[in-house]
Amino acid sequence: MNQQQNPTIQRQRVVDSIFESLCQTACDGGRRYDVGMIYPCEADKGDKKAVLHGDLLKMPFKENSFHRISTWNLAAGYEPNLVDLYTKFFNLLRPGSMFASYEWVTTESYQGDNPKHVEIINGIKTTLGLPGLRSSNDVSKVAEKVGFEVVEEKGNFVNSLVLEEWLKKKRSGYRRMYKAIKVLEKLGLMPKSTVDDRKMWLKAVEYLIKGSETGIFSPLHMTLCRKPGEPPKIDPRRHTIAAGSGYDVVTIYPCRQADKGDKKVVLKGDLLKMSFKENSFDRSSTWDHTGYEPKLVDLYSKFFKDLLPGSMFFSYEWATTESYQGDNPKHVEIINGIKTTLGLPGLRSSSDVSKVAEKVGFEVVEKGTLVNSLGKPWLERLKEKRSGYRRTYKAMMVLEKLGLVPKSTVDDRKMQLKTVECLIKGGETGIFSPMHMTLCRKPGKPPQA
């Protein structure tokens, strides 16, 4: 049969075009959230860590709905307007609830007319791609400006000497790794950009140490704030407020298509408890896989409620195909291998995904398995990566024996290689796809543009 008349190929082109168009509008600036991955965090209370793409300031959470919020690492470092960000947090918190800010700042010792000080701070900003660094005073002033009561403020969350010692240990590790990577790159065992990346990381650590030694910079400035009002009543069965609805903004930074001002927001918390306003998002999507979410119905119900009528939901899942046979030992071994190496509780079938979507109320517009990943079939790309993983694994075995990398590195690489092997077998037998697409629509009149 002629390729152009083959309905399977035609259908695949339609699916690929949908995927490409969604990629092009991945940062369209609208009210939306894209769930990159949901997976267990260290919490013992069943929380998940959800990677959400979108502008946090546009996310329509319900006001006065969270028990606590905190920012970590460089959460606000890439946000140009701290007032807008803290105002968002203030509005979301219930009266009497706490907000903990953990920021990278210049200290009171910083002198703007001191060339050495300026050089160090500019070095930190440049190597980390920061638009600027705020002073410690700025953080508490902004918190008070938006309405918070500053309960406690610490210039360094840990002793500065401990911080310097930790950074210096990191530096020695980065130096050893940098030298090792240079050798591996010359031997063709590492991509050419690896040395440049390591060099930049090493340079960043050098500036951070200088900032700490001179006392003009702190990556551990903590500000604990309280929203005025009566504290929320907590279920006596819960040990802490942290067990209630809340989220930690781990980091906020520009995404790849950041020309429209969007950020990639990493929120740590249970996505199902995040109190978005119903019928408020222009679109939602899941990427990679939701394999760590035990109840897909609950997750898809969340997306359905959050979307505006007539809006689209794009699901991009890891799934077994119709070719999978549960009574075939070889098939079972391959799928179990994928689950074990990735720590997944299970793998859903492609038919399960669309059934769940329809069960919660979606109209399934299109479904199928995407073949191409960045212009190449995913299986071909994975096979290309396998050879790279093998070379890296052998290189790490040598480096571990020389004491240039931690002892666990080889085990990690071995597991990574095993995962790739299982995924390739799943693709070759046609029983698994990491690119199963389901495009859904919430019934109703589409929102006005």
Protein backbone atom coordinates (compact mmCIF):
# COMPACT_ATOMS: atom_id res chain seq x y z
CA MET A 1 0.00 0.00 0.00
CA ASN A 2 1.19 3.50 -0.82
CA GLN A 3 2.52 5.34 2.23
CA GLN A 4 0.28 8.36 1.64
CA GLN A 5 -2.81 6.14 1.55
CA ASN A 6 -1.84 4.20 4.68
CA PRO A 7 -4.39 5.27 7.35
CA THR A 8 -2.00 4.34 10.18
CA ILE A 9 0.71 6.66 8.87
CA GLN A 10 -1.81 9.43 8.19
CA ARG A 11 -3.17 9.09 11.70
CA GLN A 12 0.34 9.17 13.13
CA ARG A 13 1.01 12.43 11.29
CA VAL A 14 -2.12 13.91 12.84
CA VAL A 15 -0.99 12.80 16.30
CA ASP A 16 2.54 14.15 15.77
CA SER A 17 1.19 17.50 14.54
CA ILE A 18 -0.97 17.80 17.68
CA PHE A 19 2.04 17.03 19.82
CA GLU A 20 4.22 19.57 17.98
CA SER A 21 1.59 22.30 18.18
CA LEU A 22 1.26 21.75 21.92
CA CYS A 23 5.03 21.97 22.30
CA GLN A 24 5.06 25.27 20.44
CA THR A 25 2.44 26.71 22.80
CA ALA A 26 4.01 25.20 25.92
CA CYS A 27 4.65 28.69 27.30
CA ASP A 28 1.72 30.61 25.87
CA GLY A 29 1.26 32.76 28.98
CA GLY A 30 -2.35 31.60 29.53
CA ARG A 31 -3.84 30.26 32.71
CA ARG A 32 -2.69 26.67 32.65
CA TYR A 33 -0.55 24.12 34.35
CA ASP A 34 1.45 21.31 32.81
CA VAL A 35 2.32 18.48 35.17
CA GLY A 36 5.78 17.34 34.18
CA MET A 37 5.93 14.51 36.70
CA ILE A 38 4.37 13.41 39.95
CA TYR A 39 6.48 11.24 42.20
CA PRO A 40 6.91 10.46 45.93
CA CYS A 41 8.97 12.94 47.95
CA GLU A 42 10.64 12.23 51.29
CA ALA A 43 7.46 13.02 53.20
CA ASP A 44 5.99 10.25 55.32
CA LYS A 45 2.47 11.62 54.93
CA GLY A 46 1.83 10.46 51.39
CA ASP A 47 2.70 13.78 49.73
CA LYS A 48 3.89 13.97 46.16
CA LYS A 49 6.32 16.29 44.47
CA ALA A 50 4.64 17.82 41.43
CA VAL A 51 6.56 19.65 38.72
CA LEU A 52 4.24 22.32 37.33
CA HIS A 53 5.08 24.51 34.34
CA GLY A 54 3.43 27.90 34.25
CA ASP A 55 3.35 31.37 35.74
CA LEU A 56 2.72 30.96 39.47
CA LEU A 57 1.23 34.46 39.70
CA LYS A 58 -1.47 33.44 37.19
CA MET A 59 -2.39 30.14 38.85
CA PRO A 60 -5.93 30.59 40.19
CA PHE A 61 -5.63 29.03 43.64
CA LYS A 62 -8.46 29.74 46.03
CA GLU A 63 -7.63 32.54 48.46
CA ASN A 64 -7.28 31.74 52.18
CA SER A 65 -6.93 28.04 51.38
CA PHE A 66 -3.40 26.97 52.43
CA HIS A 67 -2.12 26.12 55.92
CA ARG A 68 1.47 26.95 55.05
CA ILE A 69 3.76 28.00 52.21
CA SER A 70 7.54 28.08 51.98
CA THR A 71 10.16 29.04 49.42
CA TRP A 72 13.46 27.20 49.10
CA ASN A 73 16.80 27.59 47.32
CA LEU A 74 16.43 30.11 44.48
CA ALA A 75 12.63 30.16 44.57
CA ALA A 76 12.36 33.93 44.28
CA GLY A 77 15.76 34.60 42.70
CA TYR A 78 14.44 34.62 39.15
CA GLU A 79 11.23 36.47 40.05
CA PRO A 80 11.79 40.15 39.22
CA ASN A 81 8.97 41.49 41.41
CA LEU A 82 9.12 40.05 44.93
CA VAL A 83 6.14 42.15 46.04
CA ASP A 84 3.84 40.40 43.54
CA LEU A 85 5.12 36.98 44.59
CA TYR A 86 4.74 37.59 48.33
CA THR A 87 1.31 39.17 47.77
CA LYS A 88 0.29 35.94 46.04
CA PHE A 89 1.45 33.92 49.04
CA PHE A 90 -0.29 36.27 51.48
CA ASN A 91 -3.60 35.96 49.65
CA LEU A 92 -3.39 32.16 49.46
CA LEU A 93 -2.66 31.58 53.14
CA ARG A 94 -5.35 31.19 55.76
CA PRO A 95 -5.34 33.81 58.55
CA GLY A 96 -2.87 32.85 61.28
CA SER A 97 -0.86 30.58 58.97
CA MET A 98 2.88 30.66 58.42
CA PHE A 99 5.12 31.52 55.48
CA ALA A 100 8.81 30.59 55.54
CA SER A 101 11.16 32.33 53.12
CA TYR A 102 14.58 30.78 52.55
CA GLU A 103 16.51 33.01 50.15
CA TRP A 104 19.88 33.78 48.57
CA VAL A 105 20.76 37.39 49.54
CA THR A 106 23.53 39.91 50.07
CA THR A 107 24.15 40.66 53.75
CA GLU A 108 24.50 43.97 55.59
CA SER A 109 28.29 43.69 55.10
CA TYR A 110 27.96 44.13 51.35
CA GLN A 111 29.24 47.48 50.08
CA GLY A 112 28.09 48.56 46.64
CA ASP A 113 31.11 50.86 46.23
CA ASN A 114 33.61 48.09 46.97
CA PRO A 115 34.94 46.71 43.64
CA LYS A 116 35.81 43.34 45.20
CA HIS A 117 32.30 42.96 46.63
CA VAL A 118 30.70 43.91 43.34
CA GLU A 119 32.90 41.44 41.43
CA ILE A 120 31.90 38.55 43.73
CA ILE A 121 28.17 39.29 43.63
CA ASN A 122 28.23 39.79 39.85
CA GLY A 123 30.07 36.47 39.56
CA ILE A 124 27.33 34.69 41.51
CA LYS A 125 24.63 36.31 39.38
CA THR A 126 26.37 35.55 36.09
CA THR A 127 27.24 31.91 36.75
CA LEU A 128 23.74 31.17 38.03
CA GLY A 129 21.94 33.29 35.45
CA LEU A 130 20.24 35.45 38.08
CA PRO A 131 18.75 38.83 37.14
CA GLY A 132 19.93 40.19 40.51
CA LEU A 133 20.47 39.48 44.20
CA ARG A 134 18.34 41.12 46.87
CA SER A 135 19.63 42.33 50.19
CA SER A 136 18.52 40.62 53.41
CA ASN A 137 16.71 43.80 54.42
CA ASP A 138 14.69 43.80 51.20
CA VAL A 139 13.13 40.41 51.98
CA SER A 140 11.71 41.37 55.39
CA LYS A 141 10.62 44.81 54.13
CA VAL A 142 8.65 43.25 51.26
CA ALA A 143 7.09 40.69 53.60
CA GLU A 144 5.88 43.44 55.92
CA LYS A 145 4.76 45.59 53.00
CA VAL A 146 2.31 42.95 51.74
CA GLY A 147 0.87 42.42 55.23
CA PHE A 148 2.93 39.68 56.90
CA GLU A 149 4.16 39.83 60.48
CA VAL A 150 7.88 38.95 60.53
CA VAL A 151 8.15 36.46 63.42
CA GLU A 152 11.82 35.54 63.08
CA GLU A 153 14.73 36.39 60.82
CA LYS A 154 18.08 34.63 60.59
CA GLY A 155 20.97 35.82 58.45
CA ASN A 156 22.34 32.30 58.14
CA PHE A 157 20.21 29.26 58.80
CA VAL A 158 23.40 27.40 59.75
CA ASN A 159 26.74 28.59 61.10
CA SER A 160 28.70 30.42 58.37
CA LEU A 161 31.83 28.35 59.10
CA VAL A 162 29.85 25.14 58.58
CA LEU A 163 28.55 26.56 55.30
CA GLU A 164 32.06 27.47 54.11
CA GLU A 165 33.36 24.02 55.00
CA TRP A 166 30.51 22.38 53.11
CA LEU A 167 31.12 24.56 50.03
CA LYS A 168 34.84 23.83 50.10
CA LYS A 169 34.15 20.10 50.19
CA LYS A 170 31.88 20.58 47.19
CA ARG A 171 34.63 22.55 45.45
CA SER A 172 37.19 19.77 45.84
CA GLY A 173 34.64 17.32 44.44
CA TYR A 174 33.85 19.58 41.50
CA ARG A 175 37.56 20.03 40.78
CA ARG A 176 38.16 16.27 40.69
CA MET A 177 35.08 15.76 38.55
CA TYR A 178 36.11 18.59 36.20
CA LYS A 179 39.54 17.01 35.62
CA ALA A 180 37.99 13.59 35.09
CA ILE A 181 35.38 14.96 32.65
CA LYS A 182 38.12 16.69 30.61
CA VAL A 183 39.84 13.33 30.13
CA LEU A 184 36.56 11.56 29.31
CA GLU A 185 35.61 14.23 26.79
CA LYS A 186 38.94 13.87 25.01
CA LEU A 187 38.37 10.12 24.84
CA GLY A 188 34.92 10.73 23.35
CA LEU A 189 33.12 9.22 26.36
CA MET A 190 31.28 12.44 27.25
CA PRO A 191 29.40 15.06 25.18
CA LYS A 192 31.51 18.07 24.23
CA SER A 193 29.45 20.51 26.31
CA THR A 194 30.05 18.55 29.55
CA VAL A 195 33.38 20.25 30.35
CA ASP A 196 31.89 23.72 29.86
CA ASP A 197 28.99 22.86 32.17
CA ARG A 198 31.33 21.57 34.89
CA LYS A 199 33.59 24.58 34.48
CA MET A 200 30.62 26.90 35.06
CA TRP A 201 29.54 24.95 38.15
CA LEU A 202 33.09 25.13 39.53
CA LYS A 203 33.20 28.86 38.87
CA ALA A 204 29.86 29.33 40.67
CA VAL A 205 31.14 27.43 43.73
CA GLU A 206 34.29 29.61 43.79
CA TYR A 207 32.20 32.78 43.88
CA LEU A 208 29.87 31.36 46.53
CA ILE A 209 32.86 30.55 48.75
CA LYS A 210 34.29 34.04 48.26
CA GLY A 211 30.90 35.52 49.12
CA SER A 212 30.71 33.45 52.28
CA GLU A 213 34.33 34.14 53.31
CA THR A 214 33.88 37.90 52.96
CA GLY A 215 30.52 37.69 54.74
CA ILE A 216 28.71 39.62 52.00
CA PHE A 217 26.50 36.76 50.77
CA SER A 218 24.21 34.14 52.30
CA PRO A 219 22.34 31.36 50.49
CA LEU A 220 20.59 30.49 53.77
CA HIS A 221 18.77 33.65 54.81
CA MET A 222 15.54 32.63 56.58
CA THR A 223 12.52 34.82 57.23
CA LEU A 224 9.57 33.30 59.10
CA CYS A 225 6.33 35.22 58.62
CA ARG A 226 2.75 34.97 59.86
CA LYS A 227 -0.45 36.15 58.24
CA PRO A 228 -2.42 38.10 60.85
CA GLY A 229 -5.63 36.51 62.12
CA GLU A 230 -6.85 33.56 64.09
CA PRO A 231 -4.85 30.36 63.40
CA PRO A 232 -6.69 27.61 61.49
CA LYS A 233 -8.10 24.71 63.45
CA ILE A 234 -6.02 21.61 62.86
CA ASP A 235 -7.36 18.08 63.00
CA PRO A 236 -6.05 16.68 66.34
CA ARG A 237 -5.10 13.48 64.52
CA ARG A 238 -2.56 15.46 62.54
CA HIS A 239 0.76 16.15 64.22
CA THR A 240 1.67 19.38 62.42
CA ILE A 241 0.22 22.08 60.23
CA ALA A 242 2.49 20.72 57.50
CA ALA A 243 0.18 17.71 57.21
CA GLY A 244 -2.60 19.97 55.92
CA SER A 245 -2.93 21.61 52.52
CA GLY A 246 0.20 23.49 51.66
CA TYR A 247 2.97 23.72 49.12
CA ASP A 248 6.65 24.46 49.07
CA VAL A 249 7.88 26.50 46.13
CA VAL A 250 11.15 24.66 45.67
CA THR A 251 12.31 26.83 42.80
CA ILE A 252 11.03 29.17 40.13
CA TYR A 253 13.11 29.74 37.02
CA PRO A 254 12.64 30.60 33.34
CA CYS A 255 11.60 27.71 31.13
CA ARG A 256 13.09 27.21 27.66
CA GLN A 257 10.39 29.17 25.88
CA ALA A 258 10.64 31.98 28.43
CA ASP A 259 10.26 34.84 25.95
CA LYS A 260 6.69 35.31 27.19
CA GLY A 261 7.71 35.62 30.82
CA ASP A 262 6.63 32.18 31.99
CA LYS A 263 8.41 30.27 34.71
CA LYS A 264 8.86 26.62 35.54
CA VAL A 265 7.51 26.16 39.03
CA VAL A 266 8.45 23.15 41.13
CA LEU A 267 5.78 22.72 43.79
CA LYS A 268 6.24 20.14 46.51
CA GLY A 269 2.94 18.91 47.85
CA ASP A 270 -0.08 16.77 47.03
CA LEU A 271 -1.45 18.00 43.70
CA LEU A 272 -4.88 16.61 44.56
CA LYS A 273 -5.05 18.89 47.61
CA MET A 274 -4.01 22.03 45.76
CA SER A 275 -7.05 24.27 45.90
CA PHE A 276 -7.34 25.70 42.41
CA LYS A 277 -10.59 27.42 41.55
CA GLU A 278 -12.81 25.15 39.51
CA ASN A 279 -13.35 26.00 35.82
CA SER A 280 -10.38 28.36 35.81
CA PHE A 281 -7.66 26.96 33.51
CA ASP A 282 -7.38 27.40 29.75
CA ARG A 283 -5.64 24.05 29.40
CA SER A 284 -3.80 21.33 31.35
CA SER A 285 -1.44 18.54 30.41
CA THR A 286 0.61 15.71 31.87
CA TRP A 287 4.09 14.89 30.56
CA ASP A 288 6.42 11.92 31.02
CA HIS A 289 4.19 9.75 33.18
CA THR A 290 1.85 9.72 36.19
CA GLY A 291 2.88 6.19 37.11
CA TYR A 292 3.46 7.07 40.76
CA GLU A 293 -0.12 8.26 41.19
CA PRO A 294 -2.07 5.18 42.39
CA LYS A 295 -5.53 6.47 41.37
CA LEU A 296 -5.61 7.93 37.88
CA VAL A 297 -9.34 8.64 38.29
CA ASP A 298 -8.67 11.11 41.11
CA LEU A 299 -5.94 12.85 39.13
CA TYR A 300 -7.98 13.17 35.93
CA SER A 301 -11.00 14.32 37.95
CA LYS A 302 -8.79 17.12 39.29
CA PHE A 303 -7.85 18.21 35.78
CA PHE A 304 -11.47 18.02 34.66
CA LYS A 305 -12.71 20.24 37.49
CA ASP A 306 -9.93 22.81 37.06
CA LEU A 307 -10.46 23.27 33.29
CA LEU A 308 -12.81 25.77 31.72
CA PRO A 309 -15.65 24.21 29.65
CA GLY A 310 -14.51 23.57 26.09
CA SER A 311 -10.82 23.52 27.07
CA MET A 312 -8.31 20.83 26.22
CA PHE A 313 -6.43 18.31 28.36
CA PHE A 314 -3.39 16.55 26.92
CA SER A 315 -2.22 13.29 28.50
CA TYR A 316 1.21 11.91 27.59
CA GLU A 317 1.74 8.63 29.42
CA TRP A 318 3.98 5.61 29.77
CA ALA A 319 1.74 2.60 29.07
CA THR A 320 1.56 -0.98 27.88
CA THR A 321 0.11 -1.37 24.39
CA GLU A 322 -2.60 -3.68 23.08
CA SER A 323 0.14 -6.16 22.10
CA TYR A 324 1.00 -6.84 25.74
CA GLN A 325 -0.05 -10.32 26.92
CA GLY A 326 -0.24 -10.86 30.65
CA ASP A 327 0.18 -14.62 30.25
CA ASN A 328 3.38 -14.26 28.22
CA PRO A 329 6.39 -14.74 30.59
CA LYS A 330 8.70 -12.70 28.33
CA HIS A 331 6.23 -9.77 28.26
CA VAL A 332 5.76 -9.92 32.03
CA GLU A 333 9.53 -9.97 32.60
CA ILE A 334 10.08 -6.87 30.42
CA ILE A 335 7.29 -4.84 32.03
CA ASN A 336 8.35 -5.90 35.53
CA GLY A 337 11.88 -4.81 34.63
CA ILE A 338 10.63 -1.33 33.67
CA LYS A 339 8.58 -1.08 36.86
CA THR A 340 11.39 -2.30 39.11
CA THR A 341 14.19 -0.14 37.70
CA LEU A 342 12.01 2.98 37.80
CA GLY A 343 10.38 2.15 41.14
CA LEU A 344 6.89 2.25 39.64
CA PRO A 345 3.98 0.63 41.49
CA GLY A 346 2.56 -0.49 38.13
CA LEU A 347 2.09 0.33 34.45
CA ARG A 348 -1.35 1.10 33.02
CA SER A 349 -2.54 -0.11 29.66
CA SER A 350 -3.20 2.44 26.91
CA SER A 351 -6.89 1.51 26.91
CA ASP A 352 -7.10 2.21 30.66
CA VAL A 353 -5.99 5.81 30.14
CA SER A 354 -8.78 6.70 27.69
CA LYS A 355 -11.36 4.80 29.77
CA VAL A 356 -10.45 6.83 32.85
CA ALA A 357 -10.58 10.07 30.85
CA GLU A 358 -14.10 9.26 29.64
CA LYS A 359 -15.16 8.10 33.10
CA VAL A 360 -14.43 11.50 34.66
CA GLY A 361 -16.31 13.32 31.88
CA PHE A 362 -13.80 14.12 29.15
CA GLU A 363 -14.47 13.66 25.44
CA VAL A 364 -11.54 11.76 23.90
CA VAL A 365 -10.68 13.69 20.75
CA GLU A 366 -7.59 11.74 19.68
CA LYS A 367 -5.51 8.93 21.11
CA GLY A 368 -2.54 6.91 19.94
CA THR A 369 1.15 6.22 20.34
CA LEU A 370 3.55 8.96 19.34
CA VAL A 371 6.52 7.58 17.45
CA ASN A 372 8.80 10.54 17.02
CA SER A 373 10.73 12.25 19.78
CA LEU A 374 12.51 15.42 18.65
CA GLY A 375 12.35 14.32 15.03
CA LYS A 376 13.44 10.71 15.60
CA PRO A 377 11.57 7.56 16.66
CA TRP A 378 11.90 7.24 20.44
CA LEU A 379 13.26 3.68 20.13
CA GLU A 380 16.03 4.82 17.79
CA ARG A 381 16.96 7.68 20.11
CA LEU A 382 17.02 5.32 23.07
CA LYS A 383 19.32 2.89 21.28
CA GLU A 384 21.66 5.77 20.52
CA LYS A 385 21.60 6.73 24.18
CA ARG A 386 22.30 3.13 25.22
CA SER A 387 25.77 3.19 23.68
CA GLY A 388 26.44 6.44 25.56
CA TYR A 389 25.19 4.95 28.83
CA ARG A 390 27.47 1.94 28.33
CA ARG A 391 30.51 4.15 27.75
CA THR A 392 29.64 6.28 30.77
CA TYR A 393 29.15 3.19 32.94
CA LYS A 394 32.60 1.87 32.02
CA ALA A 395 34.14 5.30 32.59
CA MET A 396 32.50 5.60 36.02
CA MET A 397 33.85 2.17 37.01
CA VAL A 398 37.36 3.49 36.37
CA LEU A 399 36.69 6.81 38.14
CA GLU A 400 35.20 5.06 41.17
CA LYS A 401 38.26 2.84 41.53
CA LEU A 402 40.44 5.97 41.37
CA GLY A 403 38.29 7.60 44.05
CA LEU A 404 37.21 10.46 41.77
CA VAL A 405 33.47 9.83 42.13
CA PRO A 406 31.32 8.59 45.07
CA LYS A 407 31.07 4.82 45.55
CA SER A 408 27.37 4.71 44.70
CA THR A 409 27.92 6.23 41.24
CA VAL A 410 28.54 2.89 39.49
CA ASP A 411 25.42 1.34 41.01
CA ASP A 412 23.35 4.30 39.86
CA ARG A 413 24.73 4.07 36.32
CA LYS A 414 24.17 0.32 36.29
CA MET A 415 20.51 0.79 37.23
CA GLN A 416 20.17 3.50 34.59
CA LEU A 417 21.62 1.20 31.93
CA LYS A 418 19.31 -1.62 33.04
CA THR A 419 16.31 0.71 32.72
CA VAL A 420 17.31 1.63 29.15
CA GLU A 421 17.70 -2.04 28.24
CA CYS A 422 14.21 -2.85 29.56
CA LEU A 423 12.68 0.13 27.72
CA ILE A 424 14.34 -0.94 24.45
CA LYS A 425 13.04 -4.49 24.84
CA GLY A 426 9.56 -3.08 25.50
CA GLY A 427 9.78 -1.00 22.33
CA GLU A 428 11.20 -3.80 20.17
CA THR A 429 8.46 -6.22 21.20
CA GLY A 430 5.84 -3.49 20.74
CA ILE A 431 4.35 -4.05 24.21
CA PHE A 432 5.36 -0.69 25.72
CA SER A 433 5.31 2.98 24.78
CA PRO A 434 6.63 5.97 26.76
CA MET A 435 4.69 8.24 24.39
CA HIS A 436 1.03 7.27 24.57
CA MET A 437 -1.02 10.37 23.81
CA THR A 438 -4.64 11.08 24.70
CA LEU A 439 -6.09 14.45 23.70
CA CYS A 440 -9.30 15.25 25.58
CA ARG A 441 -11.84 18.04 25.68
CA LYS A 442 -14.04 19.15 28.54
CA PRO A 443 -17.62 19.41 27.20
CA GLY A 444 -19.11 22.88 26.98
CA LYS A 445 -18.69 26.14 25.15
CA PRO A 446 -15.02 27.06 24.55
CA PRO A 447 -13.78 30.15 26.44
CA GLN A 448 -13.65 33.45 24.59
CA ALA A 449 -10.19 34.27 23.30
